[in-house]
Amino acid sequence: MGAFTFSLYTAVMVGYFLSLSVLFIDLLRENKTANRLGVAFLILVWVLETVFLIRRMTFDHMLPFFTSLQATVFFSWLLITVSVLLNLFWRVDYVSFFVCLLGFLFVAFDAVVHTHPQIGRVRQGDLLFLHVSVSLLSYIAFSLSAVFSVLYLMEERALRSKHFRSDPFRRLPSLERLDFFAYRSAFVGLPLLILGMVFGSIWYRMIEGRFLFFDAKILVSLLVLLLYALYLILRYLGNIRSRAGAWWNLVVYVIVMVNFLIVGEFISRFHHW
């Protein structure tokens, strides 16, 4: 990693820290100045990550998700992009804080794990592009679903403790709306994940001449599909309570992230970058 790239990386981490700090102040007690400053720092991080990704694309001559390093940073960039757009067109308080926290964790993971430059696949192809991009979009949808579930549980706890009037989460939408947002986000993510798996399977068949079934990443992805499908069906039929559904959603999201960061990085043969 060159000196300029290292400086960009450091600036990104500092920007995340500043954004999280002032957004946390707004979370504890409503502070419009802190909220605006936190979003401004988040936009600054978005700009810095954009420069970082463009620099990597220029250096590697490939799109920014054909190595695990770039896929991790690109996912963080997508999270911030969605958060900024939500703030501009459809604001829900505290979403920016949790999205910023997730983005920071991804960049920190990248800094710890990917300490050396990596070379992407030679045989990329359009199908691999579709596989990776659509899969990342599904993870974005699942991330938003998880954030809404966290907000649901925090507001629900505040209501049960009978301290809601003095609680900072009184600015949130109703529990019904948060539950609906979580459900809709997962509803968007599930078909995207299915498409991503289909594109990946076809790409592998074209490259290797056979389908790959017994791979850790594929098996865990199938488990994720099953669990999210059950969540959506039970939620639609009303056979699961909203609080239990929120916890279910969070548990499945943890599996998604373990699959993305751990299984795909260290265990899977298909996703050995």
Protein backbone atom coordinates (compact mmCIF):
# COMPACT_ATOMS: atom_id res chain seq x y z
CA MET A 1 0.00 0.00 0.00
CA GLY A 2 1.54 3.28 -1.14
CA ALA A 3 1.95 6.34 1.04
CA PHE A 4 -0.95 8.19 -0.60
CA THR A 5 -3.24 5.18 -0.33
CA PHE A 6 -2.24 4.69 3.31
CA SER A 7 -3.01 8.36 3.99
CA LEU A 8 -6.43 7.95 2.35
CA TYR A 9 -7.09 4.89 4.47
CA THR A 10 -6.12 6.76 7.63
CA ALA A 11 -8.34 9.70 6.67
CA VAL A 12 -11.26 7.32 6.11
CA MET A 13 -10.81 5.81 9.58
CA VAL A 14 -10.59 9.26 11.18
CA GLY A 15 -13.70 10.38 9.27
CA TYR A 16 -15.61 7.35 10.50
CA PHE A 17 -14.52 8.04 14.08
CA LEU A 18 -15.60 11.68 13.91
CA SER A 19 -18.93 10.81 12.31
CA LEU A 20 -19.67 8.12 14.88
CA SER A 21 -18.75 10.44 17.74
CA VAL A 22 -21.07 13.30 16.81
CA LEU A 23 -23.88 10.99 15.69
CA PHE A 24 -23.65 9.26 19.06
CA ILE A 25 -24.12 12.65 20.74
CA ASP A 26 -27.28 13.11 18.68
CA LEU A 27 -28.39 9.59 19.61
CA LEU A 28 -28.08 10.28 23.36
CA ARG A 29 -29.86 13.63 23.20
CA GLU A 30 -31.45 15.25 20.17
CA ASN A 31 -28.93 17.66 18.68
CA LYS A 32 -29.58 18.87 15.16
CA THR A 33 -26.12 20.40 14.86
CA ALA A 34 -24.46 17.12 15.82
CA ASN A 35 -26.71 15.23 13.41
CA ARG A 36 -25.85 17.49 10.49
CA LEU A 37 -22.15 17.43 11.35
CA GLY A 38 -22.21 13.65 11.60
CA VAL A 39 -23.84 13.33 8.20
CA ALA A 40 -21.31 15.83 6.80
CA PHE A 41 -18.43 13.69 8.10
CA LEU A 42 -20.13 10.64 6.60
CA ILE A 43 -20.28 12.36 3.21
CA LEU A 44 -16.59 13.20 3.59
CA VAL A 45 -15.86 9.51 4.23
CA TRP A 46 -17.88 8.66 1.11
CA VAL A 47 -15.73 11.06 -0.95
CA LEU A 48 -12.50 9.64 0.47
CA GLU A 49 -13.59 6.05 -0.15
CA THR A 50 -14.60 7.01 -3.70
CA VAL A 51 -11.11 8.38 -4.33
CA PHE A 52 -9.59 5.24 -2.79
CA LEU A 53 -11.65 2.92 -4.98
CA ILE A 54 -10.95 4.92 -8.15
CA ARG A 55 -7.24 4.82 -7.35
CA ARG A 56 -7.40 1.05 -6.84
CA MET A 57 -9.32 0.61 -10.10
CA THR A 58 -6.74 2.69 -11.95
CA PHE A 59 -3.89 0.67 -10.44
CA ASP A 60 -5.48 -2.81 -10.83
CA HIS A 61 -7.38 -2.13 -14.08
CA MET A 62 -10.53 -3.83 -12.79
CA LEU A 63 -13.81 -3.03 -11.08
CA PRO A 64 -13.60 -2.51 -7.29
CA PHE A 65 -14.86 -5.88 -6.13
CA PHE A 66 -12.72 -8.54 -7.80
CA THR A 67 -10.48 -8.85 -4.74
CA SER A 68 -11.71 -9.36 -1.20
CA LEU A 69 -9.97 -6.15 -0.09
CA GLN A 70 -11.83 -4.05 -2.63
CA ALA A 71 -15.11 -5.93 -2.10
CA THR A 72 -15.00 -5.09 1.62
CA VAL A 73 -14.28 -1.41 1.07
CA PHE A 74 -16.77 -1.24 -1.79
CA PHE A 75 -19.46 -2.70 0.46
CA SER A 76 -18.69 -0.02 3.06
CA TRP A 77 -18.96 2.60 0.29
CA LEU A 78 -22.35 1.22 -0.78
CA LEU A 79 -23.61 1.34 2.81
CA ILE A 80 -22.68 5.01 3.11
CA THR A 81 -24.23 5.78 -0.28
CA VAL A 82 -27.55 4.28 0.83
CA SER A 83 -27.38 6.10 4.16
CA VAL A 84 -26.76 9.49 2.51
CA LEU A 85 -29.61 8.92 0.03
CA LEU A 86 -31.96 7.97 2.88
CA ASN A 87 -31.04 11.19 4.69
CA LEU A 88 -31.70 13.24 1.58
CA PHE A 89 -35.00 11.73 0.48
CA TRP A 90 -36.45 9.63 3.29
CA ARG A 91 -34.97 10.39 6.67
CA VAL A 92 -35.28 7.95 9.56
CA ASP A 93 -33.40 9.03 12.68
CA TYR A 94 -30.43 6.95 13.86
CA VAL A 95 -30.11 4.92 10.66
CA SER A 96 -27.00 6.95 9.78
CA PHE A 97 -25.34 6.08 13.09
CA PHE A 98 -25.78 2.33 12.72
CA VAL A 99 -24.88 2.34 9.02
CA CYS A 100 -21.76 4.36 9.89
CA LEU A 101 -20.92 1.82 12.59
CA LEU A 102 -21.25 -1.05 10.13
CA GLY A 103 -19.12 0.75 7.55
CA PHE A 104 -16.43 1.43 10.14
CA LEU A 105 -16.40 -2.25 11.19
CA PHE A 106 -15.96 -3.35 7.57
CA VAL A 107 -13.07 -0.95 6.97
CA ALA A 108 -11.48 -2.01 10.28
CA PHE A 109 -11.83 -5.66 9.27
CA ASP A 110 -10.20 -4.87 5.96
CA ALA A 111 -7.31 -3.05 7.67
CA VAL A 112 -6.64 -6.01 9.97
CA VAL A 113 -7.06 -8.88 7.48
CA HIS A 114 -5.86 -7.43 4.17
CA THR A 115 -2.42 -6.15 5.02
CA HIS A 116 -0.92 -6.91 1.58
CA PRO A 117 -2.05 -6.01 -1.95
CA GLN A 118 -4.13 -8.66 -3.70
CA ILE A 119 -4.53 -9.64 -7.33
CA GLY A 120 -8.04 -10.18 -8.70
CA ARG A 121 -9.22 -13.07 -10.85
CA VAL A 122 -8.03 -13.08 -14.43
CA ARG A 123 -11.19 -14.75 -15.71
CA GLN A 124 -13.66 -12.12 -14.53
CA GLY A 125 -16.43 -11.95 -17.12
CA ASP A 126 -19.86 -10.35 -17.11
CA LEU A 127 -21.46 -13.14 -15.09
CA LEU A 128 -18.92 -12.78 -12.29
CA PHE A 129 -19.61 -9.04 -12.31
CA LEU A 130 -23.34 -9.74 -11.98
CA HIS A 131 -22.75 -12.37 -9.29
CA VAL A 132 -20.67 -10.10 -7.08
CA SER A 133 -22.61 -6.86 -7.62
CA VAL A 134 -26.07 -8.38 -7.10
CA SER A 135 -24.87 -10.33 -4.05
CA LEU A 136 -23.45 -7.15 -2.51
CA LEU A 137 -26.75 -5.35 -3.12
CA SER A 138 -28.56 -8.17 -1.31
CA TYR A 139 -26.19 -7.71 1.64
CA ILE A 140 -26.99 -3.98 1.64
CA ALA A 141 -30.73 -4.79 1.85
CA PHE A 142 -30.11 -7.28 4.66
CA SER A 143 -27.98 -4.69 6.48
CA LEU A 144 -30.80 -2.15 6.36
CA SER A 145 -33.24 -4.81 7.54
CA ALA A 146 -30.96 -5.56 10.49
CA VAL A 147 -30.63 -1.86 11.37
CA PHE A 148 -34.42 -1.45 11.39
CA SER A 149 -34.69 -4.55 13.60
CA VAL A 150 -32.18 -3.07 16.05
CA LEU A 151 -34.15 0.18 16.16
CA TYR A 152 -37.36 -1.79 16.67
CA LEU A 153 -35.93 -3.67 19.65
CA MET A 154 -34.54 -0.48 21.22
CA GLU A 155 -37.82 1.39 20.87
CA GLU A 156 -39.81 -1.60 22.06
CA ARG A 157 -37.61 -1.89 25.15
CA ALA A 158 -38.04 1.83 25.86
CA LEU A 159 -41.81 1.45 25.65
CA ARG A 160 -41.85 -1.56 27.96
CA SER A 161 -39.66 0.24 30.51
CA LYS A 162 -42.19 3.12 30.59
CA HIS A 163 -39.42 5.68 30.08
CA PHE A 164 -40.19 6.35 26.46
CA ARG A 165 -40.97 10.05 26.86
CA SER A 166 -37.47 10.80 28.10
CA ASP A 167 -35.85 8.29 25.77
CA PRO A 168 -33.99 9.60 22.71
CA PHE A 169 -35.71 6.97 20.54
CA ARG A 170 -39.01 8.81 20.77
CA ARG A 171 -38.00 10.39 17.43
CA LEU A 172 -38.25 7.04 15.68
CA PRO A 173 -41.24 5.92 13.60
CA SER A 174 -43.79 3.65 15.23
CA LEU A 175 -42.94 0.04 16.02
CA GLU A 176 -45.26 -1.05 13.22
CA ARG A 177 -43.37 1.07 10.69
CA LEU A 178 -39.95 -0.17 11.82
CA ASP A 179 -41.18 -3.75 11.63
CA PHE A 180 -42.53 -3.04 8.14
CA PHE A 181 -39.22 -1.46 7.03
CA ALA A 182 -37.28 -4.48 8.29
CA TYR A 183 -39.65 -6.85 6.49
CA ARG A 184 -39.55 -4.93 3.20
CA SER A 185 -35.75 -4.65 3.22
CA ALA A 186 -35.40 -8.41 3.73
CA PHE A 187 -38.03 -8.94 1.04
CA VAL A 188 -35.85 -7.00 -1.41
CA GLY A 189 -32.65 -8.76 -0.33
CA LEU A 190 -33.87 -12.34 -0.73
CA PRO A 191 -34.47 -12.39 -4.53
CA LEU A 192 -31.25 -10.43 -5.04
CA LEU A 193 -29.32 -13.11 -3.15
CA ILE A 194 -31.01 -15.83 -5.20
CA LEU A 195 -30.04 -14.06 -8.43
CA GLY A 196 -26.49 -13.60 -7.20
CA MET A 197 -26.19 -17.32 -6.46
CA VAL A 198 -27.65 -18.24 -9.85
CA PHE A 199 -25.20 -15.95 -11.69
CA GLY A 200 -22.31 -17.36 -9.66
CA SER A 201 -23.33 -20.96 -10.38
CA ILE A 202 -23.62 -20.34 -14.13
CA TRP A 203 -20.28 -18.50 -14.20
CA TYR A 204 -18.54 -21.38 -12.41
CA ARG A 205 -20.16 -23.90 -14.78
CA MET A 206 -18.88 -21.94 -17.79
CA ILE A 207 -15.35 -21.63 -16.37
CA GLU A 208 -14.87 -25.07 -14.80
CA GLY A 209 -17.31 -27.17 -16.85
CA ARG A 210 -19.27 -28.32 -13.82
CA PHE A 211 -21.49 -27.02 -11.04
CA LEU A 212 -20.09 -26.61 -7.54
CA PHE A 213 -22.42 -27.84 -4.80
CA PHE A 214 -20.37 -28.80 -1.76
CA ASP A 215 -18.69 -25.54 -0.91
CA ALA A 216 -18.92 -23.85 2.49
CA LYS A 217 -20.01 -20.47 1.07
CA ILE A 218 -22.74 -22.08 -1.04
CA LEU A 219 -24.04 -24.24 1.81
CA VAL A 220 -24.19 -21.32 4.26
CA SER A 221 -25.84 -19.15 1.59
CA LEU A 222 -28.53 -21.82 1.15
CA LEU A 223 -29.05 -21.78 4.91
CA VAL A 224 -29.41 -17.99 4.79
CA LEU A 225 -31.97 -18.28 1.97
CA LEU A 226 -33.98 -20.78 3.97
CA LEU A 227 -33.94 -18.70 7.16
CA TYR A 228 -34.88 -15.45 5.42
CA ALA A 229 -37.62 -17.22 3.45
CA LEU A 230 -39.04 -18.62 6.70
CA TYR A 231 -38.86 -15.17 8.31
CA LEU A 232 -40.72 -13.55 5.40
CA ILE A 233 -43.37 -16.26 5.24
CA LEU A 234 -44.02 -16.29 8.99
CA ARG A 235 -44.04 -12.50 9.09
CA TYR A 236 -46.48 -12.33 6.17
CA LEU A 237 -48.81 -14.92 7.72
CA GLY A 238 -48.61 -13.26 11.13
CA ASN A 239 -47.35 -16.46 12.74
CA ILE A 240 -44.39 -14.78 14.40
CA ARG A 241 -44.48 -11.87 16.81
CA SER A 242 -42.70 -8.71 15.75
CA ARG A 243 -40.18 -8.85 18.60
CA ALA A 244 -39.30 -12.48 17.87
CA GLY A 245 -39.11 -11.64 14.17
CA ALA A 246 -36.64 -8.82 14.88
CA TRP A 247 -34.38 -11.18 16.84
CA TRP A 248 -34.69 -13.82 14.10
CA ASN A 249 -33.72 -11.19 11.54
CA LEU A 250 -30.63 -10.18 13.52
CA VAL A 251 -29.46 -13.77 14.02
CA VAL A 252 -29.75 -14.47 10.29
CA TYR A 253 -27.87 -11.24 9.53
CA VAL A 254 -25.01 -12.36 11.75
CA ILE A 255 -24.87 -15.57 9.67
CA VAL A 256 -24.84 -13.44 6.49
CA MET A 257 -21.86 -11.43 7.73
CA VAL A 258 -19.99 -14.52 8.93
CA ASN A 259 -20.59 -16.03 5.49
CA PHE A 260 -19.40 -12.88 3.72
CA LEU A 261 -16.35 -12.08 5.84
CA ILE A 262 -15.20 -15.36 7.38
CA VAL A 263 -16.43 -18.23 5.22
CA GLY A 264 -15.83 -16.44 1.93
CA GLU A 265 -12.44 -15.15 3.06
CA PHE A 266 -10.89 -18.16 4.77
CA ILE A 267 -12.90 -21.34 4.09
CA SER A 268 -14.65 -21.33 0.70
CA ARG A 269 -12.82 -22.81 -2.30
CA PHE A 270 -15.10 -21.05 -4.82
CA HIS A 271 -14.53 -17.68 -3.16
CA HIS A 272 -10.81 -18.02 -2.54
CA TRP A 273 -9.80 -14.67 -3.99
